[in-house]
Amino acid sequence: MTIRNYEVSAHAIERGRGHGLWGDTEKRLRRMARRAAPVTSEHGNRRFNDWIMLVKDGTIQSVTRLFESR
C-alpha cells in the first residue's frame, strides 16, 4: 500500500483556516486525508475525527468541521 500525496485546492485551505486549522494548513489537510476513512456524507467522502473532506481525483477540494463547538 502506498501513501497518497494529495493535492490541496486553495478553496480547501481557505475553508480549513475558516474552521480553525492554522499553521501549514495545506500540510495538515494532506496528513488528515491520508489518515481519513472513507465515508458517505453530504459534505464529502473522507472523514478524520470531526473533519469531513471532499476528495476527487487526488485533490482535496473542500473541508467541513462537523462539531464547531469544540
N, C-alpha and C. Protein backbone atom coordinates (compact mmCIF):
# COMPACT_ATOMS: atom_id res chain seq x y z
N MET A 1 0.84 -1.18 0.00
CA MET A 1 0.00 0.00 0.00
C MET A 1 0.89 1.25 0.00
N THR A 2 0.64 2.14 -0.90
CA THR A 2 1.42 3.37 -0.97
C THR A 2 0.66 4.51 -0.29
N ILE A 3 1.40 5.46 0.19
CA ILE A 3 0.79 6.63 0.81
C ILE A 3 0.55 7.66 -0.27
N ARG A 4 -0.68 8.04 -0.45
CA ARG A 4 -1.04 9.00 -1.50
C ARG A 4 -0.66 10.42 -1.06
N ASN A 5 -0.07 11.15 -1.96
CA ASN A 5 0.24 12.54 -1.71
C ASN A 5 -0.84 13.39 -2.35
N TYR A 6 -1.79 13.80 -1.57
CA TYR A 6 -2.93 14.57 -2.07
C TYR A 6 -2.53 16.00 -2.44
N GLU A 7 -3.18 16.52 -3.44
CA GLU A 7 -3.10 17.94 -3.75
C GLU A 7 -4.19 18.63 -2.93
N VAL A 8 -4.01 19.91 -2.64
CA VAL A 8 -4.99 20.64 -1.84
C VAL A 8 -5.37 21.91 -2.58
N SER A 9 -6.66 22.11 -2.81
CA SER A 9 -7.12 23.30 -3.52
C SER A 9 -7.06 24.52 -2.61
N ALA A 10 -6.98 25.69 -3.22
CA ALA A 10 -6.99 26.94 -2.46
C ALA A 10 -8.28 27.09 -1.66
N HIS A 11 -9.38 26.61 -2.23
CA HIS A 11 -10.68 26.66 -1.55
C HIS A 11 -10.63 25.84 -0.25
N ALA A 12 -10.04 24.64 -0.31
CA ALA A 12 -9.95 23.79 0.89
C ALA A 12 -9.08 24.45 1.95
N ILE A 13 -7.99 25.08 1.55
CA ILE A 13 -7.12 25.77 2.51
C ILE A 13 -7.89 26.91 3.17
N GLU A 14 -8.61 27.68 2.38
CA GLU A 14 -9.39 28.80 2.91
C GLU A 14 -10.45 28.31 3.90
N ARG A 15 -11.17 27.24 3.52
CA ARG A 15 -12.20 26.69 4.41
C ARG A 15 -11.58 26.11 5.68
N GLY A 16 -10.45 25.44 5.55
CA GLY A 16 -9.77 24.89 6.73
C GLY A 16 -9.39 25.99 7.71
N ARG A 17 -8.84 27.06 7.20
CA ARG A 17 -8.47 28.19 8.06
C ARG A 17 -9.70 28.82 8.69
N GLY A 18 -10.77 28.89 7.92
CA GLY A 18 -12.02 29.44 8.45
C GLY A 18 -12.61 28.60 9.57
N HIS A 19 -12.28 27.31 9.58
CA HIS A 19 -12.76 26.40 10.63
C HIS A 19 -11.72 26.19 11.72
N GLY A 20 -10.59 26.91 11.67
CA GLY A 20 -9.63 26.86 12.77
C GLY A 20 -8.36 26.08 12.53
N LEU A 21 -8.07 25.66 11.31
CA LEU A 21 -6.79 24.98 11.01
C LEU A 21 -5.75 26.05 10.68
N TRP A 22 -4.77 26.23 11.55
CA TRP A 22 -3.75 27.24 11.33
C TRP A 22 -2.41 26.60 11.11
N GLY A 23 -1.40 27.41 10.95
CA GLY A 23 -0.07 26.90 10.65
C GLY A 23 0.01 26.54 9.18
N ASP A 24 0.65 25.43 8.87
CA ASP A 24 0.74 24.96 7.49
C ASP A 24 -0.53 24.16 7.18
N THR A 25 -1.57 24.88 6.84
CA THR A 25 -2.90 24.28 6.62
C THR A 25 -2.87 23.23 5.52
N GLU A 26 -2.14 23.49 4.46
CA GLU A 26 -2.05 22.54 3.35
C GLU A 26 -1.46 21.21 3.82
N LYS A 27 -0.38 21.27 4.56
CA LYS A 27 0.27 20.07 5.06
C LYS A 27 -0.64 19.32 6.04
N ARG A 28 -1.33 20.05 6.89
CA ARG A 28 -2.23 19.42 7.85
C ARG A 28 -3.38 18.71 7.14
N LEU A 29 -3.94 19.33 6.11
CA LEU A 29 -5.03 18.70 5.36
C LEU A 29 -4.54 17.44 4.64
N ARG A 30 -3.35 17.50 4.07
CA ARG A 30 -2.80 16.30 3.41
C ARG A 30 -2.65 15.15 4.39
N ARG A 31 -2.11 15.45 5.55
CA ARG A 31 -1.90 14.42 6.58
C ARG A 31 -3.25 13.85 7.04
N MET A 32 -4.23 14.71 7.24
CA MET A 32 -5.56 14.25 7.64
C MET A 32 -6.18 13.35 6.57
N ALA A 33 -6.03 13.73 5.32
CA ALA A 33 -6.63 12.95 4.22
C ALA A 33 -6.00 11.57 4.12
N ARG A 34 -4.68 11.49 4.34
CA ARG A 34 -4.01 10.19 4.30
C ARG A 34 -4.51 9.25 5.39
N ARG A 35 -4.89 9.81 6.52
CA ARG A 35 -5.34 9.00 7.66
C ARG A 35 -6.86 8.84 7.71
N ALA A 36 -7.56 9.50 6.82
CA ALA A 36 -9.03 9.52 6.85
C ALA A 36 -9.64 8.21 6.37
N ALA A 37 -10.82 7.94 6.87
CA ALA A 37 -11.60 6.77 6.46
C ALA A 37 -12.62 7.18 5.42
N PRO A 38 -12.93 6.30 4.47
CA PRO A 38 -13.99 6.60 3.51
C PRO A 38 -15.32 6.74 4.24
N VAL A 39 -16.15 7.66 3.79
CA VAL A 39 -17.44 7.90 4.43
C VAL A 39 -18.43 8.39 3.38
N THR A 40 -19.70 8.15 3.62
CA THR A 40 -20.75 8.68 2.76
C THR A 40 -21.42 9.83 3.51
N SER A 41 -21.31 11.03 2.98
CA SER A 41 -21.86 12.21 3.65
C SER A 41 -22.22 13.24 2.59
N GLU A 42 -23.12 14.12 2.95
CA GLU A 42 -23.47 15.21 2.04
C GLU A 42 -22.33 16.22 1.94
N HIS A 43 -21.38 16.18 2.89
CA HIS A 43 -20.27 17.14 2.92
C HIS A 43 -19.00 16.65 2.25
N GLY A 44 -18.85 15.33 2.09
CA GLY A 44 -17.63 14.83 1.49
C GLY A 44 -17.55 13.32 1.51
N ASN A 45 -16.35 12.80 1.22
CA ASN A 45 -16.18 11.36 1.12
C ASN A 45 -15.03 10.80 1.96
N ARG A 46 -14.40 11.63 2.80
CA ARG A 46 -13.35 11.17 3.71
C ARG A 46 -13.59 11.82 5.07
N ARG A 47 -13.39 11.05 6.16
CA ARG A 47 -13.58 11.61 7.50
C ARG A 47 -12.36 11.32 8.35
N PHE A 48 -11.89 12.37 9.04
CA PHE A 48 -10.82 12.27 10.02
C PHE A 48 -11.29 13.01 11.27
N ASN A 49 -11.50 12.27 12.36
CA ASN A 49 -12.06 12.82 13.60
C ASN A 49 -13.35 13.59 13.29
N ASP A 50 -13.39 14.89 13.58
CA ASP A 50 -14.62 15.64 13.31
C ASP A 50 -14.51 16.50 12.04
N TRP A 51 -13.65 16.08 11.13
CA TRP A 51 -13.46 16.77 9.85
C TRP A 51 -13.92 15.88 8.71
N ILE A 52 -14.65 16.46 7.76
CA ILE A 52 -15.04 15.74 6.55
C ILE A 52 -14.44 16.47 5.37
N MET A 53 -13.78 15.71 4.50
CA MET A 53 -13.14 16.28 3.32
C MET A 53 -13.77 15.74 2.05
N LEU A 54 -13.88 16.58 1.06
CA LEU A 54 -14.32 16.17 -0.26
C LEU A 54 -13.06 15.98 -1.11
N VAL A 55 -12.79 14.72 -1.48
CA VAL A 55 -11.59 14.39 -2.27
C VAL A 55 -12.04 13.83 -3.61
N LYS A 56 -11.56 14.45 -4.69
CA LYS A 56 -11.85 13.98 -6.05
C LYS A 56 -10.55 13.95 -6.84
N ASP A 57 -10.28 12.82 -7.46
CA ASP A 57 -9.10 12.66 -8.31
C ASP A 57 -7.81 13.08 -7.62
N GLY A 58 -7.68 12.72 -6.34
CA GLY A 58 -6.45 13.01 -5.61
C GLY A 58 -6.29 14.43 -5.13
N THR A 59 -7.36 15.24 -5.23
CA THR A 59 -7.31 16.63 -4.77
C THR A 59 -8.35 16.86 -3.69
N ILE A 60 -7.91 17.43 -2.58
CA ILE A 60 -8.84 17.81 -1.51
C ILE A 60 -9.49 19.10 -1.96
N GLN A 61 -10.78 19.04 -2.24
CA GLN A 61 -11.47 20.20 -2.80
C GLN A 61 -12.18 21.04 -1.75
N SER A 62 -12.56 20.42 -0.63
CA SER A 62 -13.27 21.16 0.41
C SER A 62 -13.11 20.44 1.74
N VAL A 63 -13.31 21.16 2.82
CA VAL A 63 -13.25 20.58 4.16
C VAL A 63 -14.33 21.22 5.01
N THR A 64 -14.96 20.42 5.86
CA THR A 64 -16.02 20.89 6.75
C THR A 64 -15.77 20.32 8.13
N ARG A 65 -15.98 21.11 9.14
CA ARG A 65 -15.87 20.63 10.52
C ARG A 65 -17.26 20.30 11.02
N LEU A 66 -17.43 19.09 11.54
CA LEU A 66 -18.75 18.64 11.98
C LEU A 66 -19.21 19.31 13.25
N PHE A 67 -18.30 19.48 14.20
CA PHE A 67 -18.68 19.99 15.51
C PHE A 67 -17.92 21.27 15.80
N GLU A 68 -18.56 22.40 15.55
CA GLU A 68 -17.91 23.70 15.73
C GLU A 68 -17.71 24.07 17.19
N SER A 69 -18.48 23.51 18.09
CA SER A 69 -18.46 23.94 19.49
C SER A 69 -17.26 23.43 20.28
N ARG A 70 -16.45 22.57 19.72
CA ARG A 70 -15.30 22.02 20.48
C ARG A 70 -14.21 23.02 20.69
